[in-house]
Amino acid sequence: VKKNSENDHLVFVASLQIYGCLGLLYVCIFSLLRIASPLMYSFFTSEHAPEESRAPVQPPNTVFGWVPHSWMQTKDIEKSVGLDATMLMEFSELCLKICACVGVPLVITCPLHRYFGGGNSDPLSRWGTGNIKAKSQYAEYFYWAHAFLVWFVVIVTQRLILGSQRTFIHRRFAWLEEMPA
C-alpha cells in the first residue's frame, strides 16, 4: 500500500468539493423534475391516487417543499406505500443513525490526532492515528480513548440494529395478521 504523499490532501479536498456539488445538483434536479412531472414523482399525493392509498399529507408544490415532509414518520406512510417501501425507508433511517454513531467519534478524535498527536506526517495523515508519536506524552491516553470509542460504536450500533429488527418483526406480524385468510 502506498503511503500518502504531500499533495494527497489537495486531492481529498477536491473530491469532497466535486461530490458535494454533484449531490446538491442531483437534489436540485430532483426538485425541479418533481414540479415538472408530478405524476411521476408525487403520485401518492395527487388526486389520481386511490383514496385508500393516498399520502396523509401533500407537500407544497414548491421547489424544496418536499424536504420537511420527507422526514415524516413511517407509521403514517405505511398505509399509502405499503410495508416493504416503508421498511426501505426505515432501513435508510437506520443507516443515517449508524453513520452519526460512527461520525461522532471521528469528530472527536481527528482534531485530537491533528493537534496533539505530535507526529510530523503529511497533511492528510495528520488526522489519523498514524500521527500519534509512540513516545508522546499523550499516546497512552489516545489509545485508551480509541478502545473506549470502538466499544461505544459497537454497542450503540448493535442496539440500533436490534431495535430496528424488533420494530420490523412487530410490523411484519401486524401486517400478516391483517391479511385476508
N, C-alpha and C. Protein backbone atom coordinates (compact mmCIF):
# COMPACT_ATOMS: atom_id res chain seq x y z
N VAL A 1 0.85 -1.17 0.00
CA VAL A 1 0.00 0.00 0.00
C VAL A 1 0.89 1.22 0.00
N LYS A 2 0.58 2.12 -0.88
CA LYS A 2 1.37 3.35 -1.00
C LYS A 2 1.00 4.33 0.11
N LYS A 3 1.99 4.96 0.72
CA LYS A 3 1.73 5.95 1.76
C LYS A 3 1.23 7.24 1.13
N ASN A 4 0.59 8.06 1.96
CA ASN A 4 0.12 9.36 1.49
C ASN A 4 1.31 10.24 1.13
N SER A 5 1.14 11.01 0.07
CA SER A 5 2.20 11.96 -0.30
C SER A 5 1.81 13.35 0.18
N GLU A 6 2.66 14.29 -0.08
CA GLU A 6 2.48 15.65 0.42
C GLU A 6 1.23 16.32 -0.17
N ASN A 7 0.85 15.99 -1.39
CA ASN A 7 -0.27 16.67 -2.05
C ASN A 7 -1.56 15.88 -2.05
N ASP A 8 -1.62 14.74 -1.35
CA ASP A 8 -2.84 13.94 -1.33
C ASP A 8 -4.00 14.65 -0.66
N HIS A 9 -3.72 15.54 0.26
CA HIS A 9 -4.82 16.27 0.90
C HIS A 9 -5.53 17.18 -0.08
N LEU A 10 -4.82 17.68 -1.09
CA LEU A 10 -5.45 18.51 -2.11
C LEU A 10 -6.43 17.69 -2.95
N VAL A 11 -6.06 16.45 -3.24
CA VAL A 11 -6.95 15.55 -3.99
C VAL A 11 -8.19 15.24 -3.15
N PHE A 12 -8.00 15.02 -1.86
CA PHE A 12 -9.12 14.73 -0.97
C PHE A 12 -10.09 15.90 -0.90
N VAL A 13 -9.57 17.11 -0.74
CA VAL A 13 -10.42 18.30 -0.67
C VAL A 13 -11.14 18.52 -1.99
N ALA A 14 -10.44 18.32 -3.11
CA ALA A 14 -11.07 18.48 -4.42
C ALA A 14 -12.20 17.47 -4.62
N SER A 15 -11.97 16.22 -4.19
CA SER A 15 -13.03 15.22 -4.35
C SER A 15 -14.23 15.54 -3.46
N LEU A 16 -13.99 16.05 -2.24
CA LEU A 16 -15.11 16.48 -1.39
C LEU A 16 -15.92 17.59 -2.06
N GLN A 17 -15.23 18.53 -2.66
CA GLN A 17 -15.93 19.63 -3.34
C GLN A 17 -16.72 19.14 -4.54
N ILE A 18 -16.12 18.28 -5.33
CA ILE A 18 -16.80 17.77 -6.53
C ILE A 18 -18.04 16.96 -6.16
N TYR A 19 -17.90 16.02 -5.22
CA TYR A 19 -19.04 15.17 -4.87
C TYR A 19 -20.09 15.92 -4.07
N GLY A 20 -19.68 16.90 -3.31
CA GLY A 20 -20.66 17.76 -2.62
C GLY A 20 -21.49 18.55 -3.61
N CYS A 21 -20.83 19.13 -4.61
CA CYS A 21 -21.55 19.89 -5.64
C CYS A 21 -22.46 18.98 -6.46
N LEU A 22 -21.98 17.77 -6.79
CA LEU A 22 -22.81 16.83 -7.53
C LEU A 22 -24.04 16.41 -6.73
N GLY A 23 -23.87 16.19 -5.43
CA GLY A 23 -25.01 15.85 -4.58
C GLY A 23 -26.05 16.96 -4.57
N LEU A 24 -25.59 18.20 -4.42
CA LEU A 24 -26.52 19.35 -4.46
C LEU A 24 -27.20 19.47 -5.83
N LEU A 25 -26.44 19.22 -6.89
CA LEU A 25 -27.01 19.27 -8.23
C LEU A 25 -28.11 18.23 -8.40
N TYR A 26 -27.89 17.02 -7.91
CA TYR A 26 -28.90 15.97 -8.02
C TYR A 26 -30.16 16.31 -7.23
N VAL A 27 -30.00 16.89 -6.04
CA VAL A 27 -31.16 17.30 -5.25
C VAL A 27 -31.94 18.38 -5.99
N CYS A 28 -31.25 19.33 -6.60
CA CYS A 28 -31.92 20.40 -7.35
C CYS A 28 -32.63 19.84 -8.58
N ILE A 29 -31.99 18.91 -9.29
CA ILE A 29 -32.63 18.30 -10.46
C ILE A 29 -33.88 17.55 -10.05
N PHE A 30 -33.80 16.78 -8.96
CA PHE A 30 -34.98 16.07 -8.48
C PHE A 30 -36.08 17.06 -8.12
N SER A 31 -35.74 18.15 -7.44
CA SER A 31 -36.73 19.13 -7.02
C SER A 31 -37.44 19.74 -8.22
N LEU A 32 -36.69 20.03 -9.27
CA LEU A 32 -37.31 20.61 -10.47
C LEU A 32 -38.13 19.57 -11.23
N LEU A 33 -37.64 18.34 -11.32
CA LEU A 33 -38.41 17.29 -12.00
C LEU A 33 -39.69 16.96 -11.26
N ARG A 34 -39.68 17.08 -9.94
CA ARG A 34 -40.87 16.82 -9.14
C ARG A 34 -41.98 17.80 -9.50
N ILE A 35 -41.61 19.04 -9.76
CA ILE A 35 -42.61 20.04 -10.15
C ILE A 35 -43.03 19.84 -11.61
N ALA A 36 -42.08 19.52 -12.48
CA ALA A 36 -42.38 19.36 -13.90
C ALA A 36 -43.18 18.08 -14.18
N SER A 37 -42.99 17.04 -13.40
CA SER A 37 -43.63 15.76 -13.65
C SER A 37 -44.24 15.21 -12.35
N PRO A 38 -45.32 15.82 -11.85
CA PRO A 38 -45.85 15.43 -10.55
C PRO A 38 -46.39 14.00 -10.49
N LEU A 39 -46.93 13.49 -11.59
CA LEU A 39 -47.45 12.12 -11.56
C LEU A 39 -46.33 11.10 -11.39
N MET A 40 -45.17 11.41 -11.88
CA MET A 40 -44.04 10.50 -11.76
C MET A 40 -43.42 10.55 -10.37
N TYR A 41 -43.26 11.74 -9.82
CA TYR A 41 -42.52 11.90 -8.57
C TYR A 41 -43.39 12.13 -7.34
N SER A 42 -44.67 12.42 -7.53
CA SER A 42 -45.56 12.69 -6.39
C SER A 42 -46.91 12.04 -6.59
N PHE A 43 -46.93 10.84 -7.12
CA PHE A 43 -48.20 10.20 -7.47
C PHE A 43 -49.11 10.02 -6.26
N PHE A 44 -48.58 9.56 -5.13
CA PHE A 44 -49.42 9.26 -3.98
C PHE A 44 -49.96 10.50 -3.30
N THR A 45 -49.50 11.67 -3.69
CA THR A 45 -50.06 12.92 -3.15
C THR A 45 -51.05 13.55 -4.12
N SER A 46 -51.22 12.96 -5.30
CA SER A 46 -52.10 13.56 -6.30
C SER A 46 -53.53 13.02 -6.19
N GLU A 47 -54.43 13.66 -6.91
CA GLU A 47 -55.83 13.20 -6.91
C GLU A 47 -56.00 11.94 -7.76
N HIS A 48 -54.96 11.53 -8.50
CA HIS A 48 -55.03 10.32 -9.32
C HIS A 48 -54.82 9.05 -8.49
N ALA A 49 -54.24 9.18 -7.31
CA ALA A 49 -54.01 8.02 -6.46
C ALA A 49 -55.33 7.57 -5.84
N PRO A 50 -55.52 6.28 -5.66
CA PRO A 50 -56.74 5.81 -4.99
C PRO A 50 -56.84 6.40 -3.58
N GLU A 51 -58.05 6.66 -3.15
CA GLU A 51 -58.28 7.33 -1.86
C GLU A 51 -57.65 6.58 -0.68
N GLU A 52 -57.72 5.23 -0.70
CA GLU A 52 -57.21 4.45 0.44
C GLU A 52 -55.67 4.43 0.50
N SER A 53 -55.02 4.74 -0.62
CA SER A 53 -53.55 4.71 -0.61
C SER A 53 -52.94 6.10 -0.78
N ARG A 54 -53.75 7.12 -0.64
CA ARG A 54 -53.25 8.48 -0.77
C ARG A 54 -52.39 8.85 0.43
N ALA A 55 -51.35 9.61 0.18
CA ALA A 55 -50.43 10.03 1.25
C ALA A 55 -51.17 10.88 2.27
N PRO A 56 -50.79 10.79 3.56
CA PRO A 56 -51.50 11.53 4.61
C PRO A 56 -51.36 13.04 4.50
N VAL A 57 -50.27 13.52 3.91
CA VAL A 57 -50.08 14.96 3.72
C VAL A 57 -49.61 15.21 2.30
N GLN A 58 -49.92 16.40 1.81
CA GLN A 58 -49.47 16.77 0.48
C GLN A 58 -48.48 17.92 0.62
N PRO A 59 -47.21 17.69 0.25
CA PRO A 59 -46.23 18.76 0.37
C PRO A 59 -46.55 19.89 -0.60
N PRO A 60 -46.18 21.11 -0.26
CA PRO A 60 -46.44 22.22 -1.17
C PRO A 60 -45.71 22.03 -2.50
N ASN A 61 -46.27 22.58 -3.53
CA ASN A 61 -45.72 22.42 -4.87
C ASN A 61 -44.65 23.48 -5.14
N THR A 62 -43.69 23.58 -4.23
CA THR A 62 -42.55 24.49 -4.40
C THR A 62 -41.30 23.65 -4.63
N VAL A 63 -40.22 24.30 -4.95
CA VAL A 63 -39.00 23.56 -5.30
C VAL A 63 -38.53 22.66 -4.16
N PHE A 64 -38.44 23.19 -2.96
CA PHE A 64 -37.97 22.38 -1.84
C PHE A 64 -39.07 22.11 -0.82
N GLY A 65 -40.33 22.13 -1.24
CA GLY A 65 -41.44 21.85 -0.35
C GLY A 65 -41.48 20.42 0.15
N TRP A 66 -40.82 19.53 -0.54
CA TRP A 66 -40.81 18.11 -0.16
C TRP A 66 -39.87 17.81 1.00
N VAL A 67 -38.92 18.69 1.27
CA VAL A 67 -37.87 18.38 2.25
C VAL A 67 -38.42 18.13 3.65
N PRO A 68 -39.24 19.03 4.24
CA PRO A 68 -39.72 18.73 5.60
C PRO A 68 -40.62 17.50 5.66
N HIS A 69 -41.34 17.22 4.59
CA HIS A 69 -42.24 16.07 4.59
C HIS A 69 -41.52 14.75 4.35
N SER A 70 -40.27 14.82 3.88
CA SER A 70 -39.52 13.58 3.66
C SER A 70 -39.08 12.95 4.98
N TRP A 71 -39.12 13.70 6.07
CA TRP A 71 -38.76 13.18 7.39
C TRP A 71 -39.99 12.74 8.18
N MET A 72 -41.10 12.52 7.47
CA MET A 72 -42.34 12.11 8.11
C MET A 72 -42.18 10.74 8.78
N GLN A 73 -42.96 10.50 9.79
CA GLN A 73 -42.91 9.21 10.47
C GLN A 73 -43.37 8.09 9.53
N THR A 74 -42.66 6.98 9.55
CA THR A 74 -43.01 5.90 8.64
C THR A 74 -44.32 5.22 9.01
N LYS A 75 -44.78 5.38 10.24
CA LYS A 75 -46.07 4.81 10.60
C LYS A 75 -47.19 5.47 9.79
N ASP A 76 -47.02 6.74 9.47
CA ASP A 76 -48.03 7.47 8.72
C ASP A 76 -48.06 7.08 7.25
N ILE A 77 -46.92 6.69 6.70
CA ILE A 77 -46.89 6.43 5.26
C ILE A 77 -47.06 4.96 4.91
N GLU A 78 -47.07 4.08 5.90
CA GLU A 78 -47.17 2.65 5.61
C GLU A 78 -48.46 2.32 4.87
N LYS A 79 -49.55 2.97 5.23
CA LYS A 79 -50.83 2.64 4.58
C LYS A 79 -50.89 3.10 3.13
N SER A 80 -50.07 4.09 2.74
CA SER A 80 -50.14 4.55 1.36
C SER A 80 -49.14 3.87 0.43
N VAL A 81 -47.95 3.50 0.93
CA VAL A 81 -46.96 2.90 0.03
C VAL A 81 -46.68 1.43 0.33
N GLY A 82 -47.21 0.91 1.42
CA GLY A 82 -47.02 -0.50 1.74
C GLY A 82 -45.87 -0.73 2.72
N LEU A 83 -45.84 -1.93 3.25
CA LEU A 83 -44.86 -2.27 4.28
C LEU A 83 -43.44 -2.35 3.73
N ASP A 84 -43.25 -2.91 2.55
CA ASP A 84 -41.90 -3.08 2.02
C ASP A 84 -41.23 -1.73 1.76
N ALA A 85 -41.94 -0.80 1.14
CA ALA A 85 -41.37 0.52 0.90
C ALA A 85 -41.13 1.26 2.21
N THR A 86 -42.01 1.06 3.17
CA THR A 86 -41.83 1.68 4.48
C THR A 86 -40.59 1.13 5.17
N MET A 87 -40.38 -0.18 5.06
CA MET A 87 -39.20 -0.78 5.69
C MET A 87 -37.91 -0.32 4.99
N LEU A 88 -37.99 -0.05 3.69
CA LEU A 88 -36.83 0.50 2.99
C LEU A 88 -36.49 1.88 3.54
N MET A 89 -37.51 2.67 3.83
CA MET A 89 -37.27 3.99 4.43
C MET A 89 -36.73 3.85 5.85
N GLU A 90 -37.24 2.87 6.60
CA GLU A 90 -36.72 2.61 7.95
C GLU A 90 -35.25 2.20 7.88
N PHE A 91 -34.91 1.40 6.88
CA PHE A 91 -33.51 0.99 6.71
C PHE A 91 -32.62 2.19 6.42
N SER A 92 -33.11 3.10 5.59
CA SER A 92 -32.34 4.32 5.29
C SER A 92 -32.13 5.15 6.55
N GLU A 93 -33.18 5.25 7.37
CA GLU A 93 -33.04 5.98 8.64
C GLU A 93 -32.04 5.29 9.57
N LEU A 94 -32.07 3.96 9.59
CA LEU A 94 -31.11 3.22 10.41
C LEU A 94 -29.69 3.49 9.94
N CYS A 95 -29.48 3.51 8.64
CA CYS A 95 -28.14 3.78 8.10
C CYS A 95 -27.68 5.19 8.48
N LEU A 96 -28.57 6.17 8.44
CA LEU A 96 -28.20 7.52 8.86
C LEU A 96 -27.83 7.56 10.34
N LYS A 97 -28.57 6.83 11.16
CA LYS A 97 -28.24 6.80 12.60
C LYS A 97 -26.89 6.14 12.84
N ILE A 98 -26.60 5.07 12.10
CA ILE A 98 -25.31 4.40 12.26
C ILE A 98 -24.18 5.31 11.79
N CYS A 99 -24.38 6.03 10.69
CA CYS A 99 -23.36 6.98 10.23
C CYS A 99 -23.11 8.06 11.28
N ALA A 100 -24.16 8.53 11.94
CA ALA A 100 -23.98 9.51 13.01
C ALA A 100 -23.24 8.90 14.18
N CYS A 101 -23.53 7.63 14.47
CA CYS A 101 -22.87 6.93 15.58
C CYS A 101 -21.38 6.78 15.30
N VAL A 102 -21.00 6.55 14.07
CA VAL A 102 -19.59 6.43 13.70
C VAL A 102 -18.96 7.81 13.56
N GLY A 103 -19.74 8.77 13.09
CA GLY A 103 -19.21 10.11 12.83
C GLY A 103 -18.86 10.90 14.08
N VAL A 104 -19.61 10.72 15.16
CA VAL A 104 -19.33 11.47 16.39
C VAL A 104 -17.93 11.17 16.93
N PRO A 105 -17.53 9.89 17.06
CA PRO A 105 -16.15 9.65 17.50
C PRO A 105 -15.09 10.20 16.54
N LEU A 106 -15.39 10.20 15.24
CA LEU A 106 -14.44 10.77 14.29
C LEU A 106 -14.26 12.27 14.51
N VAL A 107 -15.37 12.94 14.77
CA VAL A 107 -15.30 14.39 15.02
C VAL A 107 -14.52 14.67 16.30
N ILE A 108 -14.56 13.75 17.24
CA ILE A 108 -13.82 13.93 18.49
C ILE A 108 -12.33 13.61 18.31
N THR A 109 -12.04 12.46 17.69
CA THR A 109 -10.65 12.00 17.66
C THR A 109 -9.79 12.65 16.59
N CYS A 110 -10.34 12.96 15.44
CA CYS A 110 -9.50 13.52 14.37
C CYS A 110 -8.82 14.83 14.75
N PRO A 111 -9.52 15.80 15.34
CA PRO A 111 -8.80 17.00 15.78
C PRO A 111 -7.76 16.71 16.87
N LEU A 112 -8.04 15.73 17.73
CA LEU A 112 -7.05 15.37 18.76
C LEU A 112 -5.78 14.82 18.11
N HIS A 113 -5.93 13.96 17.11
CA HIS A 113 -4.76 13.44 16.38
C HIS A 113 -3.98 14.58 15.75
N ARG A 114 -4.72 15.49 15.13
CA ARG A 114 -4.09 16.58 14.37
C ARG A 114 -3.29 17.49 15.28
N TYR A 115 -3.86 17.90 16.40
CA TYR A 115 -3.23 18.94 17.20
C TYR A 115 -2.42 18.42 18.39
N PHE A 116 -2.67 17.19 18.82
CA PHE A 116 -1.95 16.67 19.99
C PHE A 116 -1.17 15.39 19.69
N GLY A 117 -1.22 14.91 18.45
CA GLY A 117 -0.54 13.66 18.12
C GLY A 117 0.96 13.74 18.18
N GLY A 118 1.51 14.90 17.82
CA GLY A 118 2.95 15.09 17.92
C GLY A 118 3.75 14.61 16.74
N GLY A 119 3.14 13.96 15.79
CA GLY A 119 3.87 13.48 14.62
C GLY A 119 4.00 14.57 13.58
N ASN A 120 4.88 14.33 12.65
CA ASN A 120 5.09 15.29 11.55
C ASN A 120 4.77 14.61 10.23
N SER A 121 3.58 14.08 10.13
CA SER A 121 3.16 13.37 8.92
C SER A 121 2.78 14.36 7.85
N ASP A 122 2.43 13.82 6.69
CA ASP A 122 1.92 14.67 5.62
C ASP A 122 0.56 15.22 6.04
N PRO A 123 0.05 16.26 5.37
CA PRO A 123 -1.19 16.92 5.82
C PRO A 123 -2.40 16.01 5.94
N LEU A 124 -2.53 15.00 5.09
CA LEU A 124 -3.68 14.11 5.15
C LEU A 124 -3.56 13.12 6.31
N SER A 125 -2.36 12.63 6.57
CA SER A 125 -2.16 11.64 7.64
C SER A 125 -2.19 12.24 9.03
N ARG A 126 -2.09 13.55 9.14
CA ARG A 126 -2.12 14.18 10.46
C ARG A 126 -3.44 13.97 11.17
N TRP A 127 -4.50 13.66 10.43
CA TRP A 127 -5.83 13.48 11.03
C TRP A 127 -6.03 12.05 11.52
N GLY A 128 -5.13 11.15 11.23
CA GLY A 128 -5.29 9.74 11.60
C GLY A 128 -4.41 9.34 12.77
N THR A 129 -4.54 8.07 13.16
CA THR A 129 -3.77 7.58 14.29
C THR A 129 -2.28 7.46 13.97
N GLY A 130 -1.93 7.49 12.70
CA GLY A 130 -0.52 7.44 12.32
C GLY A 130 0.24 8.68 12.76
N ASN A 131 -0.44 9.71 13.15
CA ASN A 131 0.21 10.94 13.59
C ASN A 131 0.59 10.90 15.06
N ILE A 132 0.18 9.87 15.78
CA ILE A 132 0.50 9.77 17.21
C ILE A 132 1.90 9.21 17.36
N LYS A 133 2.77 9.98 17.99
CA LYS A 133 4.13 9.50 18.26
C LYS A 133 4.09 8.42 19.33
N ALA A 134 4.89 7.39 19.15
CA ALA A 134 4.91 6.27 20.10
C ALA A 134 5.35 6.72 21.49
N LYS A 135 6.27 7.63 21.58
CA LYS A 135 6.80 8.06 22.87
C LYS A 135 6.16 9.37 23.34
N SER A 136 5.06 9.76 22.70
CA SER A 136 4.38 11.00 23.07
C SER A 136 3.78 10.90 24.47
N GLN A 137 3.67 12.03 25.15
CA GLN A 137 3.08 12.02 26.49
C GLN A 137 1.59 11.68 26.46
N TYR A 138 0.95 11.86 25.29
CA TYR A 138 -0.48 11.59 25.17
C TYR A 138 -0.79 10.23 24.53
N ALA A 139 0.23 9.51 24.07
CA ALA A 139 -0.01 8.29 23.28
C ALA A 139 -0.87 7.28 24.01
N GLU A 140 -0.55 7.02 25.27
CA GLU A 140 -1.32 6.02 26.02
C GLU A 140 -2.77 6.44 26.15
N TYR A 141 -3.04 7.72 26.38
CA TYR A 141 -4.42 8.20 26.53
C TYR A 141 -5.19 8.12 25.22
N PHE A 142 -4.48 8.39 24.12
CA PHE A 142 -5.13 8.28 22.81
C PHE A 142 -5.62 6.86 22.57
N TYR A 143 -4.76 5.89 22.85
CA TYR A 143 -5.13 4.51 22.57
C TYR A 143 -6.24 4.02 23.50
N TRP A 144 -6.26 4.46 24.73
CA TRP A 144 -7.36 4.11 25.63
C TRP A 144 -8.66 4.76 25.15
N ALA A 145 -8.56 5.99 24.68
CA ALA A 145 -9.76 6.66 24.15
C ALA A 145 -10.29 5.93 22.92
N HIS A 146 -9.37 5.46 22.07
CA HIS A 146 -9.81 4.70 20.90
C HIS A 146 -10.49 3.41 21.29
N ALA A 147 -9.94 2.73 22.27
CA ALA A 147 -10.55 1.48 22.72
C ALA A 147 -11.97 1.74 23.25
N PHE A 148 -12.12 2.79 24.04
CA PHE A 148 -13.45 3.14 24.54
C PHE A 148 -14.41 3.49 23.41
N LEU A 149 -13.94 4.31 22.44
CA LEU A 149 -14.82 4.73 21.35
C LEU A 149 -15.19 3.58 20.42
N VAL A 150 -14.28 2.63 20.24
CA VAL A 150 -14.62 1.45 19.42
C VAL A 150 -15.76 0.69 20.07
N TRP A 151 -15.68 0.48 21.38
CA TRP A 151 -16.75 -0.25 22.06
C TRP A 151 -18.04 0.56 22.10
N PHE A 152 -17.91 1.88 22.20
CA PHE A 152 -19.10 2.74 22.13
C PHE A 152 -19.81 2.55 20.80
N VAL A 153 -19.05 2.59 19.70
CA VAL A 153 -19.65 2.43 18.37
C VAL A 153 -20.26 1.04 18.22
N VAL A 154 -19.57 0.01 18.69
CA VAL A 154 -20.08 -1.37 18.57
C VAL A 154 -21.39 -1.52 19.34
N ILE A 155 -21.43 -1.05 20.57
CA ILE A 155 -22.62 -1.22 21.41
C ILE A 155 -23.80 -0.41 20.88
N VAL A 156 -23.56 0.85 20.52
CA VAL A 156 -24.65 1.68 20.01
C VAL A 156 -25.17 1.15 18.68
N THR A 157 -24.27 0.73 17.80
CA THR A 157 -24.69 0.18 16.51
C THR A 157 -25.51 -1.10 16.71
N GLN A 158 -25.06 -1.95 17.60
CA GLN A 158 -25.80 -3.18 17.88
C GLN A 158 -27.18 -2.88 18.43
N ARG A 159 -27.27 -1.92 19.34
CA ARG A 159 -28.59 -1.56 19.88
C ARG A 159 -29.50 -0.99 18.80
N LEU A 160 -28.95 -0.17 17.91
CA LEU A 160 -29.76 0.39 16.82
C LEU A 160 -30.28 -0.70 15.89
N ILE A 161 -29.41 -1.62 15.54
CA ILE A 161 -29.80 -2.71 14.63
C ILE A 161 -30.84 -3.61 15.28
N LEU A 162 -30.62 -4.00 16.52
CA LEU A 162 -31.58 -4.89 17.20
C LEU A 162 -32.91 -4.18 17.42
N GLY A 163 -32.89 -2.88 17.74
CA GLY A 163 -34.14 -2.13 17.90
C GLY A 163 -34.92 -2.05 16.59
N SER A 164 -34.21 -1.83 15.49
CA SER A 164 -34.88 -1.80 14.19
C SER A 164 -35.43 -3.16 13.81
N GLN A 165 -34.70 -4.19 14.13
CA GLN A 165 -35.18 -5.54 13.82
C GLN A 165 -36.43 -5.86 14.64
N ARG A 166 -36.44 -5.46 15.91
CA ARG A 166 -37.61 -5.68 16.76
C ARG A 166 -38.83 -4.95 16.19
N THR A 167 -38.65 -3.69 15.77
CA THR A 167 -39.74 -2.92 15.17
C THR A 167 -40.24 -3.58 13.90
N PHE A 168 -39.30 -4.06 13.07
CA PHE A 168 -39.67 -4.73 11.84
C PHE A 168 -40.51 -5.97 12.11
N ILE A 169 -40.10 -6.77 13.08
CA ILE A 169 -40.83 -8.01 13.38
C ILE A 169 -42.25 -7.70 13.84
N HIS A 170 -42.41 -6.71 14.71
CA HIS A 170 -43.75 -6.34 15.17
C HIS A 170 -44.61 -5.87 14.00
N ARG A 171 -44.04 -5.04 13.13
CA ARG A 171 -44.81 -4.56 11.97
C ARG A 171 -45.15 -5.70 11.02
N ARG A 172 -44.21 -6.58 10.79
CA ARG A 172 -44.46 -7.69 9.86
C ARG A 172 -45.56 -8.60 10.40
N PHE A 173 -45.55 -8.90 11.69
CA PHE A 173 -46.61 -9.75 12.26
C PHE A 173 -47.96 -9.04 12.21
N ALA A 174 -47.98 -7.74 12.47
CA ALA A 174 -49.24 -6.99 12.36
C ALA A 174 -49.74 -7.02 10.92
N TRP A 175 -48.85 -6.88 9.96
CA TRP A 175 -49.23 -6.92 8.56
C TRP A 175 -49.76 -8.30 8.18
N LEU A 176 -49.11 -9.34 8.67
CA LEU A 176 -49.57 -10.70 8.37
C LEU A 176 -50.94 -10.98 8.99
N GLU A 177 -51.19 -10.45 10.21
CA GLU A 177 -52.48 -10.66 10.85
C GLU A 177 -53.61 -9.93 10.12
N GLU A 178 -53.28 -8.80 9.45
CA GLU A 178 -54.30 -8.04 8.74
C GLU A 178 -54.62 -8.61 7.37
N MET A 179 -53.79 -9.52 6.87
CA MET A 179 -54.03 -10.11 5.54
C MET A 179 -55.28 -10.96 5.55
N PRO A 180 -56.03 -10.92 4.45
CA PRO A 180 -57.21 -11.79 4.39
C PRO A 180 -56.80 -13.27 4.33
N ALA A 181 -57.60 -14.10 4.95
CA ALA A 181 -57.26 -15.53 5.03
C ALA A 181 -57.46 -16.24 3.74
